[in-house]
C-alpha atoms as a PDB file:
ATOM      1  CA  MET A   1      39.629  23.869  -7.944  1.00  0.00           C
ATOM      2  CA  ALA A   2      39.891  27.627  -7.473  1.00  0.00           C
ATOM      3  CA  LYS A   3      37.699  30.293  -5.932  1.00  0.00           C
ATOM      4  CA  ASP A   4      37.053  33.477  -7.917  1.00  0.00           C
ATOM      5  CA  GLU A   5      35.924  36.894  -6.688  1.00  0.00           C
ATOM      6  CA  ARG A   6      32.186  36.070  -6.964  1.00  0.00           C
ATOM      7  CA  SER A   7      32.256  33.242  -4.429  1.00  0.00           C
ATOM      8  CA  THR A   8      32.103  30.434  -6.939  1.00  0.00           C
ATOM      9  CA  TYR A   9      34.215  27.312  -7.023  1.00  0.00           C
ATOM     10  CA  THR A  10      35.680  25.999 -10.237  1.00  0.00           C
ATOM     11  CA  ILE A  11      35.764  22.242 -10.431  1.00  0.00           C
ATOM     12  CA  GLN A  12      38.485  20.820 -12.623  1.00  0.00           C
ATOM     13  CA  ASN A  13      37.331  17.828 -14.597  1.00  0.00           C
ATOM     14  CA  ASP A  14      39.061  15.572 -17.097  1.00  0.00           C
ATOM     15  CA  SER A  15      36.932  16.470 -20.100  1.00  0.00           C
ATOM     16  CA  ASN A  16      37.650  19.194 -22.610  1.00  0.00           C
ATOM     17  CA  LEU A  17      34.080  20.452 -22.501  1.00  0.00           C
ATOM     18  CA  GLY A  18      34.808  23.484 -20.342  1.00  0.00           C
ATOM     19  CA  GLU A  19      34.708  24.321 -16.671  1.00  0.00           C
ATOM     20  CA  VAL A  20      32.023  23.983 -14.054  1.00  0.00           C
ATOM     21  CA  LYS A  21      31.562  26.714 -11.447  1.00  0.00           C
ATOM     22  CA  ILE A  22      29.438  26.263  -8.336  1.00  0.00           C
ATOM     23  CA  ALA A  23      28.367  29.288  -6.315  1.00  0.00           C
ATOM     24  CA  ASP A  24      28.972  28.982  -2.594  1.00  0.00           C
ATOM     25  CA  GLU A  25      25.278  29.761  -2.086  1.00  0.00           C
ATOM     26  CA  VAL A  26      24.427  26.578  -3.994  1.00  0.00           C
ATOM     27  CA  VAL A  27      26.587  24.566  -1.592  1.00  0.00           C
ATOM     28  CA  ALA A  28      24.866  26.323   1.315  1.00  0.00           C
ATOM     29  CA  ILE A  29      21.398  25.512  -0.052  1.00  0.00           C
ATOM     30  CA  ILE A  30      22.312  21.844  -0.553  1.00  0.00           C
ATOM     31  CA  ALA A  31      23.593  21.708   3.039  1.00  0.00           C
ATOM     32  CA  ALA A  32      20.483  23.405   4.447  1.00  0.00           C
ATOM     33  CA  LEU A  33      18.074  21.170   2.540  1.00  0.00           C
ATOM     34  CA  ALA A  34      19.941  18.067   3.706  1.00  0.00           C
ATOM     35  CA  ALA A  35      19.937  19.285   7.318  1.00  0.00           C
ATOM     36  CA  THR A  36      16.211  20.052   7.402  1.00  0.00           C
ATOM     37  CA  GLU A  37      15.407  16.545   6.137  1.00  0.00           C
ATOM     38  CA  ILE A  38      16.668  15.015   9.394  1.00  0.00           C
ATOM     39  CA  ASP A  39      14.030  14.079  11.968  1.00  0.00           C
ATOM     40  CA  GLY A  40      14.591  16.219  15.035  1.00  0.00           C
ATOM     41  CA  VAL A  41      15.589  19.365  13.125  1.00  0.00           C
ATOM     42  CA  ALA A  42      12.834  21.953  13.522  1.00  0.00           C
ATOM     43  CA  SER A  43      14.327  24.613  11.239  1.00  0.00           C
ATOM     44  CA  MET A  44      17.396  26.526  10.253  1.00  0.00           C
ATOM     45  CA  ALA A  45      18.176  29.405  12.612  1.00  0.00           C
ATOM     46  CA  GLY A  46      15.748  32.137  11.629  1.00  0.00           C
ATOM     47  CA  ASN A  47      12.907  29.573  11.526  1.00  0.00           C
ATOM     48  CA  ILE A  48      13.363  28.675   7.860  1.00  0.00           C
ATOM     49  CA  THR A  49      11.701  25.297   7.309  1.00  0.00           C
ATOM     50  CA  ASN A  50      11.069  23.257   4.174  1.00  0.00           C
ATOM     51  CA  GLU A  51       7.453  24.455   4.262  1.00  0.00           C
ATOM     52  CA  VAL A  52       8.493  28.123   4.330  1.00  0.00           C
ATOM     53  CA  ILE A  53      10.815  27.746   1.338  1.00  0.00           C
ATOM     54  CA  GLY A  54       7.916  27.849  -1.138  1.00  0.00           C
ATOM     55  CA  LYS A  55       6.737  31.188   0.234  1.00  0.00           C
ATOM     56  CA  LEU A  56      10.093  32.913   0.742  1.00  0.00           C
ATOM     57  CA  GLY A  57      12.149  31.297  -1.989  1.00  0.00           C
ATOM     58  CA  ILE A  58      14.935  28.767  -1.706  1.00  0.00           C
ATOM     59  CA  LYS A  59      17.717  31.374  -1.365  1.00  0.00           C
ATOM     60  CA  ASN A  60      16.448  32.282   2.109  1.00  0.00           C
ATOM     61  CA  LEU A  61      17.188  28.738   3.268  1.00  0.00           C
ATOM     62  CA  SER A  62      20.930  29.368   3.112  1.00  0.00           C
ATOM     63  CA  LYS A  63      20.823  32.165   5.712  1.00  0.00           C
ATOM     64  CA  GLY A  64      21.804  29.853   8.583  1.00  0.00           C
ATOM     65  CA  VAL A  65      24.705  28.342   6.632  1.00  0.00           C
ATOM     66  CA  LYS A  66      28.287  29.474   6.147  1.00  0.00           C
ATOM     67  CA  VAL A  67      30.505  27.815   3.546  1.00  0.00           C
ATOM     68  CA  ASP A  68      34.293  28.189   3.478  1.00  0.00           C
ATOM     69  CA  VAL A  69      36.656  26.615   0.967  1.00  0.00           C
ATOM     70  CA  LEU A  70      40.367  26.479   1.696  1.00  0.00           C
ATOM     71  CA  GLU A  71      42.737  24.641  -0.632  1.00  0.00           C
ATOM     72  CA  GLY A  72      39.904  22.674  -2.215  1.00  0.00           C
ATOM     73  CA  VAL A  73      38.346  21.504   1.029  1.00  0.00           C
ATOM     74  CA  VAL A  74      34.924  22.685   2.216  1.00  0.00           C
ATOM     75  CA  THR A  75      33.970  23.573   5.775  1.00  0.00           C
ATOM     76  CA  ILE A  76      30.265  24.060   6.409  1.00  0.00           C
ATOM     77  CA  SER A  77      28.790  25.734   9.491  1.00  0.00           C
ATOM     78  CA  LEU A  78      25.067  25.411  10.225  1.00  0.00           C
ATOM     79  CA  ALA A  79      22.877  27.112  12.826  1.00  0.00           C
ATOM     80  CA  LEU A  80      19.854  24.945  13.640  1.00  0.00           C
ATOM     81  CA  ASN A  81      16.782  24.900  15.820  1.00  0.00           C
ATOM     82  CA  LEU A  82      16.103  21.385  17.073  1.00  0.00           C
ATOM     83  CA  LYS A  83      12.849  19.823  18.198  1.00  0.00           C
ATOM     84  CA  TYR A  84      12.313  19.299  21.910  1.00  0.00           C
ATOM     85  CA  ASN A  85      12.684  15.759  23.264  1.00  0.00           C
ATOM     86  CA  TYR A  86      15.225  14.618  20.663  1.00  0.00           C
ATOM     87  CA  ASN A  87      18.764  13.587  21.566  1.00  0.00           C
ATOM     88  CA  ILE A  88      20.972  16.467  20.444  1.00  0.00           C
ATOM     89  CA  MET A  89      24.040  14.293  19.845  1.00  0.00           C
ATOM     90  CA  ASP A  90      22.091  11.795  17.709  1.00  0.00           C
ATOM     91  CA  VAL A  91      20.356  14.481  15.633  1.00  0.00           C
ATOM     92  CA  THR A  92      23.508  16.519  15.043  1.00  0.00           C
ATOM     93  CA  ARG A  93      25.521  13.420  14.053  1.00  0.00           C
ATOM     94  CA  LYS A  94      22.819  12.521  11.497  1.00  0.00           C
ATOM     95  CA  VAL A  95      22.852  16.100  10.190  1.00  0.00           C
ATOM     96  CA  GLN A  96      26.640  16.051   9.836  1.00  0.00           C
ATOM     97  CA  ASP A  97      26.557  12.739   7.950  1.00  0.00           C
ATOM     98  CA  LYS A  98      23.673  13.794   5.681  1.00  0.00           C
ATOM     99  CA  VAL A  99      25.141  17.222   4.857  1.00  0.00           C
ATOM    100  CA  LYS A 100      28.611  15.800   4.131  1.00  0.00           C
ATOM    101  CA  SER A 101      27.168  13.101   1.897  1.00  0.00           C
ATOM    102  CA  ALA A 102      24.782  15.433   0.042  1.00  0.00           C
ATOM    103  CA  VAL A 103      27.395  18.104  -0.695  1.00  0.00           C
ATOM    104  CA  GLU A 104      30.060  15.608  -1.753  1.00  0.00           C
ATOM    105  CA  ASN A 105      27.678  13.596  -3.952  1.00  0.00           C
ATOM    106  CA  MET A 106      26.076  16.591  -5.634  1.00  0.00           C
ATOM    107  CA  THR A 107      29.135  18.806  -6.121  1.00  0.00           C
ATOM    108  CA  GLY A 108      32.186  16.571  -6.031  1.00  0.00           C
ATOM    109  CA  LEU A 109      33.728  18.891  -3.439  1.00  0.00           C
ATOM    110  CA  GLU A 110      35.498  17.341  -0.432  1.00  0.00           C
ATOM    111  CA  VAL A 111      33.824  18.235   2.869  1.00  0.00           C
ATOM    112  CA  ALA A 112      36.246  18.298   5.788  1.00  0.00           C
ATOM    113  CA  ASP A 113      33.985  19.614   8.540  1.00  0.00           C
ATOM    114  CA  VAL A 114      30.292  20.146   9.204  1.00  0.00           C
ATOM    115  CA  ASN A 115      30.061  22.356  12.287  1.00  0.00           C
ATOM    116  CA  ILE A 116      26.692  22.775  13.976  1.00  0.00           C
ATOM    117  CA  LYS A 117      25.513  25.468  16.342  1.00  0.00           C
ATOM    118  CA  VAL A 118      22.279  24.567  18.128  1.00  0.00           C
ATOM    119  CA  ALA A 119      20.612  27.978  18.167  1.00  0.00           C
ATOM    120  CA  GLY A 120      17.381  26.905  19.854  1.00  0.00           C
ATOM    121  CA  VAL A 121      14.940  24.189  20.824  1.00  0.00           C
ATOM    122  CA  GLU A 122      11.337  24.298  19.667  1.00  0.00           C
ATOM    123  CA  MET A 123       8.362  22.757  21.397  1.00  0.00           C
ATOM    124  CA  GLU A 124       5.644  21.015  19.375  1.00  0.00           C
ATOM    125  CA  LYS A 125       2.651  23.195  18.678  1.00  0.00           C
ATOM    126  CA  GLN A 126      -0.454  22.163  20.582  1.00  0.00           C
ATOM    127  CA  ASP A 127      -3.623  22.212  18.466  1.00  0.00           C
END
């Protein structure tokens, strides 16, 4: 696997059909979608939620995510807003597991680290 100048990752496969390149933004979007599926996660930093994606477009979801690849291994950093009254350690562990699994299963890349910054805590809206 090699990274080219446009922030894409080439995945070497055994077939002679050609190469597959994955943009780092695609990895970031997969990670953000996986993270926001976890109960207790209110939004990505910047208040991007699954509901907002339809209005703003899916590329905006990756704004709270940083993806680094070094020697074929991915490190993902996420900035999240969590919901009030949830155990931070439990929620972040679930996010780490879900993000690692989603990125590895969908891309074939090896994820070494999923680092999380809790950027805020959101209260439930009272109607």
